[in-house]
Protein backbone atom coordinates (compact mmCIF):
# COMPACT_ATOMS: atom_id res chain seq x y z
CA MET A 1 15.82 -10.31 10.99
CA SER A 2 15.01 -10.10 7.28
CA VAL A 3 12.52 -12.71 6.03
CA LEU A 4 12.47 -11.36 2.47
CA SER A 5 15.29 -9.58 0.69
CA LEU A 6 15.05 -8.34 -2.90
CA SER A 7 18.18 -6.92 -4.45
CA LYS A 8 18.46 -5.47 -7.97
CA LEU A 9 15.28 -7.30 -8.97
CA ASN A 10 14.52 -6.95 -12.68
CA VAL A 11 11.55 -8.32 -14.58
CA SER A 12 11.04 -7.90 -18.31
CA TYR A 13 9.24 -9.45 -21.23
CA LYS A 14 9.76 -9.53 -24.97
CA SER A 15 7.33 -7.93 -27.38
CA SER A 16 7.29 -7.02 -31.04
CA GLN A 17 8.79 -3.67 -29.99
CA GLY A 18 11.65 -5.39 -28.19
CA LYS A 19 12.41 -5.84 -24.49
CA ILE A 20 9.92 -4.20 -22.11
CA GLN A 21 11.20 -3.54 -18.59
CA ILE A 22 8.49 -4.00 -15.93
CA ILE A 23 10.56 -3.98 -12.71
CA ASP A 24 13.81 -2.03 -12.66
CA GLU A 25 16.55 -2.70 -10.06
CA LEU A 26 14.05 -2.97 -7.21
CA GLU A 27 15.31 -3.21 -3.62
CA LEU A 28 13.07 -4.30 -0.73
CA GLN A 29 13.38 -5.84 2.73
CA VAL A 30 10.58 -7.38 4.82
CA ASN A 31 11.47 -8.20 8.40
CA SER A 32 10.22 -10.95 10.68
CA GLY A 33 6.64 -10.27 11.76
CA GLU A 34 6.37 -7.23 9.51
CA ILE A 35 3.50 -6.56 7.09
CA VAL A 36 4.51 -4.50 4.05
CA ALA A 37 2.28 -3.25 1.24
CA LEU A 38 3.15 -2.84 -2.40
CA PHE A 39 0.86 0.05 -3.26
CA GLY A 40 0.55 1.95 -6.51
CA PRO A 41 -1.37 2.54 -9.72
CA SER A 42 -2.57 -0.24 -11.99
CA GLY A 43 0.22 -1.37 -14.28
CA GLY A 44 2.92 -0.17 -11.89
CA GLY A 45 4.29 -3.69 -11.33
CA LYS A 46 2.84 -4.67 -7.93
CA SER A 47 1.55 -8.13 -8.86
CA THR A 48 4.61 -8.68 -11.04
CA VAL A 49 6.86 -8.35 -7.98
CA LEU A 50 4.68 -10.83 -6.09
CA LYS A 51 4.80 -13.35 -8.93
CA ALA A 52 8.57 -12.95 -9.23
CA ILE A 53 8.99 -13.69 -5.51
CA ALA A 54 6.78 -16.76 -5.90
CA GLY A 55 8.81 -18.04 -8.85
CA LEU A 56 5.91 -17.80 -11.29
CA LEU A 57 7.66 -15.70 -13.98
CA ASP A 58 10.41 -16.04 -16.54
CA ASN A 59 12.87 -13.27 -17.43
CA VAL A 60 13.55 -12.42 -13.77
CA SER A 61 17.02 -11.46 -12.57
CA GLY A 62 18.56 -10.20 -9.35
CA ASP A 63 18.60 -11.75 -5.90
CA ILE A 64 15.61 -13.08 -3.97
CA ILE A 65 16.30 -14.39 -0.47
CA ILE A 66 13.45 -15.90 1.57
CA GLY A 67 14.03 -16.93 5.17
CA GLY A 68 17.78 -16.70 4.72
CA LYS A 69 17.74 -19.08 1.74
CA GLN A 70 18.51 -17.89 -1.77
CA ALA A 71 15.54 -18.50 -4.07
CA LEU A 72 16.94 -16.67 -7.10
CA GLY A 73 20.37 -15.41 -8.06
CA ILE A 74 23.96 -16.56 -8.32
CA ASN A 75 25.55 -18.66 -5.59
CA SER A 76 28.26 -17.29 -3.31
CA ARG A 77 31.03 -18.64 -5.57
CA GLY A 78 29.50 -16.85 -8.53
CA ASN A 79 29.44 -19.91 -10.76
CA THR A 80 25.92 -21.34 -10.45
CA SER A 81 22.55 -19.80 -11.22
CA ILE A 82 19.88 -20.51 -8.58
CA ASN A 83 16.15 -20.56 -9.28
CA ILE A 84 14.22 -22.61 -6.71
CA ALA A 85 10.81 -23.99 -7.70
CA THR A 86 7.70 -22.29 -6.31
CA GLU A 87 6.77 -25.21 -4.05
CA ASP A 88 10.21 -25.08 -2.38
CA ARG A 89 10.25 -21.34 -1.62
CA LYS A 90 8.43 -21.63 1.76
CA ILE A 91 5.79 -19.07 0.84
CA GLY A 92 2.02 -18.96 1.17
CA LEU A 93 -0.07 -17.37 -1.58
CA ILE A 94 -3.48 -15.81 -0.86
CA PHE A 95 -5.47 -14.52 -3.82
CA GLN A 96 -8.56 -12.32 -4.07
CA ASP A 97 -10.71 -15.19 -5.34
CA TYR A 98 -9.87 -17.40 -2.28
CA ALA A 99 -8.87 -20.37 -4.54
CA LEU A 100 -10.52 -22.94 -2.25
CA PHE A 101 -11.30 -26.38 -3.61
CA PRO A 102 -15.10 -26.41 -4.03
CA HIS A 103 -15.38 -30.20 -3.67
CA LEU A 104 -13.53 -30.26 -0.33
CA THR A 105 -14.86 -29.34 3.08
CA VAL A 106 -13.35 -26.57 5.17
CA ALA A 107 -11.28 -29.08 7.14
CA GLN A 108 -10.12 -30.82 3.97
CA ASN A 109 -9.11 -27.51 2.40
CA VAL A 110 -7.02 -26.56 5.43
CA ALA A 111 -5.47 -30.05 5.52
CA PHE A 112 -4.47 -29.91 1.85
CA GLY A 113 -0.68 -30.14 1.63
CA LEU A 114 -0.27 -31.80 5.03
CA ASP A 115 0.03 -35.34 3.65
CA LYS A 116 3.34 -35.95 5.41
CA LEU A 117 1.64 -35.74 8.81
CA SER A 118 -0.14 -38.66 10.40
CA ARG A 119 -3.94 -38.60 10.37
CA SER A 120 -4.12 -37.65 14.06
CA ALA A 121 -1.45 -34.96 13.75
CA ARG A 122 -3.14 -33.56 10.65
CA LYS A 123 -6.52 -33.36 12.43
CA ALA A 124 -4.95 -31.72 15.48
CA LYS A 125 -3.29 -29.08 13.33
CA VAL A 126 -6.46 -28.36 11.34
CA ASP A 127 -8.51 -28.06 14.54
CA SER A 128 -5.99 -25.65 16.09
CA LEU A 129 -5.97 -23.45 12.98
CA LEU A 130 -9.76 -23.35 12.79
CA GLU A 131 -9.81 -22.48 16.49
CA LEU A 132 -7.56 -19.51 15.76
CA ILE A 133 -10.16 -18.05 13.41
CA LYS A 134 -13.15 -19.26 15.47
CA MET A 135 -14.47 -21.52 12.72
CA VAL A 136 -14.25 -25.00 14.25
CA GLU A 137 -18.02 -25.46 13.85
CA TYR A 138 -17.67 -24.88 10.09
CA SER A 139 -15.20 -27.72 9.52
CA ASP A 140 -17.67 -29.93 7.62
CA ARG A 141 -19.09 -27.18 5.42
CA TYR A 142 -18.18 -26.55 1.80
CA PRO A 143 -16.87 -23.24 0.43
CA HIS A 144 -20.17 -22.29 -1.23
CA GLU A 145 -21.83 -22.45 2.20
CA LEU A 146 -19.53 -19.72 3.58
CA SER A 147 -19.49 -15.94 3.26
CA GLY A 148 -16.66 -14.23 1.39
CA GLY A 149 -14.95 -13.23 4.64
CA GLN A 150 -15.18 -16.77 5.99
CA GLN A 151 -13.73 -18.19 2.76
CA GLN A 152 -10.82 -15.76 2.92
CA ARG A 153 -10.10 -16.75 6.53
CA ILE A 154 -9.96 -20.39 5.42
CA ALA A 155 -7.63 -19.51 2.53
CA ILE A 156 -5.29 -17.75 4.93
CA VAL A 157 -5.10 -20.51 7.55
CA ARG A 158 -4.65 -23.06 4.74
CA ALA A 159 -1.57 -21.08 3.72
CA LEU A 160 -0.44 -20.94 7.37
CA ALA A 161 -0.82 -24.72 7.75
CA CYS A 162 2.33 -25.34 5.70
CA GLU A 163 4.32 -23.01 7.99
CA PRO A 164 5.59 -20.61 5.31
CA GLU A 165 8.42 -18.17 5.89
CA LEU A 166 6.39 -15.48 4.12
CA LEU A 167 2.76 -14.86 3.15
CA LEU A 168 1.99 -13.13 -0.15
CA PHE A 169 -1.41 -11.41 -0.43
CA ASP A 170 -2.59 -10.40 -3.91
CA GLU A 171 -5.59 -8.03 -3.61
CA SER A 172 -6.85 -10.51 -1.03
CA PHE A 173 -9.59 -8.36 0.52
CA SER A 174 -11.05 -6.72 -2.59
CA ASN A 175 -13.93 -9.21 -2.91
CA ILE A 176 -15.06 -8.83 0.70
CA ASP A 177 -18.19 -6.75 1.39
CA PRO A 178 -17.09 -3.27 2.53
CA GLN A 179 -18.96 -3.46 5.84
CA PHE A 180 -16.97 -6.59 6.85
CA ARG A 181 -13.66 -5.89 5.11
CA PHE A 182 -11.91 -3.93 7.84
CA GLU A 183 -13.07 -6.29 10.57
CA LEU A 184 -11.43 -9.10 8.58
CA ILE A 185 -8.29 -7.02 8.00
CA SER A 186 -8.03 -6.33 11.74
CA ASP A 187 -8.48 -10.01 12.59
CA ILE A 188 -5.91 -11.20 10.02
CA ARG A 189 -3.40 -8.56 11.08
CA ALA A 190 -3.76 -9.66 14.72
CA LEU A 191 -3.31 -13.31 13.67
CA LEU A 192 -0.10 -12.57 11.77
CA LYS A 193 1.27 -10.49 14.64
CA GLN A 194 0.40 -13.20 17.16
CA HIS A 195 2.46 -15.73 15.18
CA ASN A 196 5.20 -13.28 14.11
CA ILE A 197 4.59 -14.02 10.42
CA ALA A 198 5.91 -11.70 7.72
CA ALA A 199 3.66 -10.71 4.84
CA LEU A 200 3.81 -8.78 1.59
CA PHE A 201 0.46 -7.32 0.55
CA VAL A 202 -0.39 -6.07 -2.95
CA THR A 203 -3.25 -3.59 -3.13
CA HIS A 204 -4.49 -0.54 -5.00
CA ASN A 205 -6.73 0.40 -2.03
CA GLN A 206 -5.15 3.02 0.21
CA ASP A 207 -7.50 2.42 3.15
CA GLU A 208 -6.62 -1.30 3.14
CA ALA A 209 -2.90 -0.58 2.99
CA PHE A 210 -3.07 1.90 5.87
CA ALA A 211 -5.17 -0.43 8.05
CA PHE A 212 -3.23 -3.65 7.40
CA CYS A 213 0.43 -2.75 6.98
CA ASP A 214 3.36 -1.55 9.07
CA ARG A 215 5.12 -0.03 6.06
CA ILE A 216 3.96 0.86 2.57
CA ALA A 217 6.12 0.84 -0.56
CA VAL A 218 4.69 3.10 -3.27
CA LEU A 219 5.52 1.46 -6.60
CA ASN A 220 5.48 3.48 -9.81
CA LYS A 221 6.64 2.26 -13.22
CA GLY A 222 8.64 -0.58 -11.71
CA LYS A 223 10.45 1.48 -9.07
CA ILE A 224 9.76 2.17 -5.40
CA GLU A 225 9.25 5.92 -5.02
CA GLN A 226 9.08 5.79 -1.22
CA ILE A 227 8.68 3.24 1.57
CA ASP A 228 7.58 4.32 5.03
CA CYS A 229 4.98 3.84 7.75
CA PRO A 230 1.50 5.08 6.74
CA GLU A 231 1.60 8.26 8.83
CA ARG A 232 4.98 9.45 7.56
CA LEU A 233 4.13 8.45 4.00
CA PHE A 234 0.99 10.59 4.09
CA ASN A 235 2.46 13.57 5.94
CA TYR A 236 5.98 13.58 4.48
CA PRO A 237 5.85 12.38 0.85
CA GLN A 238 9.30 12.48 -0.71
CA THR A 239 8.18 12.92 -4.32
CA ARG A 240 5.42 14.79 -6.11
CA PHE A 241 4.05 11.49 -7.40
CA VAL A 242 3.66 10.10 -3.87
CA ALA A 243 2.00 13.30 -2.66
CA GLU A 244 -0.56 13.28 -5.47
CA PHE A 245 -1.13 9.51 -5.46
CA LEU A 246 -2.06 9.49 -1.77
CA GLY A 247 -4.90 11.93 -2.31
CA GLN A 248 -6.10 14.97 -4.22
CA GLY A 249 -4.86 18.36 -3.13
CA LEU A 250 -3.81 21.86 -4.10
CA TRP A 251 -0.38 22.90 -5.36
CA LEU A 252 0.51 26.30 -3.92
CA ARG A 253 3.60 28.35 -4.78
CA CYS A 254 5.10 29.90 -1.64
CA LYS A 255 7.96 32.15 -0.67
CA VAL A 256 10.23 30.91 2.13
CA ALA A 257 10.21 33.53 4.91
CA SER A 258 12.01 31.34 7.46
CA ALA A 259 12.46 27.72 8.46
CA ASN A 260 9.00 27.91 10.06
CA VAL A 261 7.03 30.32 7.88
CA LEU A 262 5.95 30.31 4.24
CA LEU A 263 4.14 33.13 2.46
CA SER A 264 1.41 32.40 -0.07
CA GLU A 265 -1.59 33.92 -1.85
CA LEU A 266 -3.68 32.37 0.92
CA GLY A 267 -1.64 34.20 3.54
CA GLU A 268 1.06 33.11 5.97
CA ILE A 269 1.50 29.37 6.43
CA SER A 270 3.19 27.59 9.31
CA TYR A 271 5.68 24.96 8.09
CA ALA A 272 5.98 21.89 10.36
CA GLY A 273 7.95 19.61 8.10
CA ASP A 274 11.50 18.33 8.06
CA LYS A 275 13.75 21.25 9.05
CA ASP A 276 16.75 19.42 7.60
CA LEU A 277 15.37 20.18 4.16
CA PHE A 278 16.35 23.80 4.64
CA SER A 279 20.01 22.78 4.77
CA SER A 280 19.72 21.25 1.31
CA MET A 281 20.52 23.10 -1.89
CA SER A 282 16.88 23.14 -2.98
CA LEU A 283 15.23 25.07 -0.12
CA LYS A 284 16.61 28.49 0.75
CA VAL A 285 15.19 31.39 2.73
CA GLU A 286 13.92 34.03 0.28
CA GLY A 287 13.54 31.29 -2.31
CA GLU A 288 10.34 29.66 -3.56
CA VAL A 289 8.83 26.24 -2.92
CA ASP A 290 5.74 24.33 -3.95
CA VAL A 291 3.45 23.13 -1.16
CA TYR A 292 0.92 20.31 -1.56
CA ILE A 293 -2.14 20.96 0.59
CA ARG A 294 -4.83 18.33 1.15
CA PRO A 295 -8.58 19.03 1.53
CA HIS A 296 -8.60 18.55 5.30
CA GLN A 297 -5.99 21.32 5.65
CA LEU A 298 -8.32 23.91 4.08
CA LYS A 299 -11.43 25.64 5.32
CA LEU A 300 -14.04 27.90 3.72
CA THR A 301 -15.63 30.96 5.24
CA LEU A 302 -18.38 33.10 3.74
CA SER A 303 -16.99 36.30 2.24
CA ASN A 304 -18.30 38.71 -0.37
CA ASP A 305 -14.79 40.16 -0.81
CA PHE A 306 -13.51 37.16 -2.81
CA PRO A 307 -14.61 36.18 -6.35
CA ILE A 308 -14.62 32.48 -5.43
CA VAL A 309 -17.90 30.59 -5.61
CA VAL A 310 -18.62 26.98 -4.64
CA THR A 311 -19.73 25.58 -7.99
CA ASN A 312 -20.27 21.96 -7.02
CA GLU A 313 -20.83 20.07 -3.82
CA ARG A 314 -21.24 16.47 -2.67
CA PHE A 315 -22.78 15.39 0.62
CA ALA A 316 -20.59 12.58 2.02
CA GLY A 317 -22.39 11.81 5.28
CA GLU A 318 -20.08 13.26 7.92
CA PHE A 319 -19.05 16.22 5.75
CA TYR A 320 -19.58 18.03 2.47
CA GLU A 321 -17.02 18.06 -0.34
CA SER A 322 -17.20 21.60 -1.67
CA GLN A 323 -15.57 22.31 -5.04
CA VAL A 324 -14.18 25.67 -6.14
CA GLN A 325 -11.93 26.85 -8.97
CA TRP A 326 -8.93 29.01 -8.07
CA LEU A 327 -5.58 29.72 -9.69
CA GLY A 328 -6.51 27.43 -12.57
CA GLN A 329 -7.02 24.47 -10.24
CA VAL A 330 -10.14 22.65 -9.10
CA ILE A 331 -9.98 22.58 -5.31
CA VAL A 332 -12.00 20.24 -3.09
CA VAL A 333 -12.53 21.30 0.54
CA LYS A 334 -14.16 19.20 3.24
CA THR A 335 -16.68 21.31 5.15
CA GLN A 336 -19.23 20.75 7.90
CA ASN A 337 -21.81 23.02 6.27
CA SER A 338 -23.09 23.54 2.73
CA PHE A 339 -21.57 26.43 0.76
CA LEU A 340 -23.15 25.67 -2.61
CA ASN A 341 -23.42 28.73 -4.90
CA GLN A 342 -22.02 31.03 -2.20
CA SER A 343 -18.97 33.33 -2.29
CA VAL A 344 -16.20 32.09 -0.01
CA LYS A 345 -12.68 32.73 1.20
CA ILE A 346 -10.17 29.85 1.26
CA GLU A 347 -7.97 29.57 4.33
CA ILE A 348 -5.36 27.07 5.53
CA ASN A 349 -6.30 25.74 8.96
CA THR A 350 -3.22 23.63 9.81
CA ALA A 351 0.53 23.67 9.51
CA VAL A 352 1.86 22.12 6.28
CA TRP A 353 4.41 19.36 5.70
CA SER A 354 4.58 18.52 1.99
CA VAL A 355 7.10 20.98 0.57
CA PHE A 356 8.99 20.51 -2.71
CA PRO A 357 11.53 22.46 -4.74
CA VAL A 358 10.06 24.45 -7.61
CA VAL A 359 10.37 22.59 -10.90
CA LYS A 360 11.70 24.97 -13.52
CA SER A 361 10.02 24.72 -16.90
CA PRO A 362 12.44 24.12 -19.77
CA ILE A 363 13.03 27.24 -21.86
């Protein structure tokens, strides 16, 4: 069941240069109990989508349906414009700065917005929510007496207290200390799954998106380039932008020998991608393709027969990042040993997935 449905969502603003389109005909569905990330570069429109869903922007058009109720659009008869106020959209907003009331205790913060309940019912609900996040003993403390992770937990259960149809997270973990961030992400993900709550999560941090979300929508210049589960998104990017945005790599021109084998200047490569691509007009045996290869798919071996030298290297704890220049590209390879200032041979140590048609340069 869809908890959030966006159809032909457009967001724009007026400037001295005229109308500027920020979001362009965006389509998105978030299902019950599903956590979806809006992930992309700064300025790509991620937070704009979140604010449009929350009803915080003007110049928004299209259809927004939350929990089966139309929040924005034209009614079924086509004669009335609908734009429900933020407080009536059944959403919970969680920001990166926690937005707790500093003059209220933990219990009072969680109880905020529960005025329609009796005092006893309100206390019972607050106690049960604090029990969920194992913070009952902190109920009388003030926000400044809590760590960042504890404050964010309170912000989240405060949003849950009003029983929203959908939670909206805007860079909500970015202020948490790195050593505690992924423990918090794991705990919050388990909490949402336990209560079958849908969430839309805006982030520019790939590790957070992969750890927290079931699906990730890569947003670029107001459009979704691809939406998929983290594993498929990483291994099977559908566009060059998605491939490059998910991590640095090497573009390698290859000749198609068969549906399983590509030939390159680094030797023969096993192709393990989508075989259906070879039935398309763009990939033909004997034709050429571009392959995007990530650092973990490469290895270096010492060799005096190749004019390639490791010119720069960074020790990263569990591995080295060795840097070489080849075919006009700077290539980073993750290695177990140092190769600094040594001559090496580059080899591909895995099958490849990310294959794209060759883009012809205009004449």
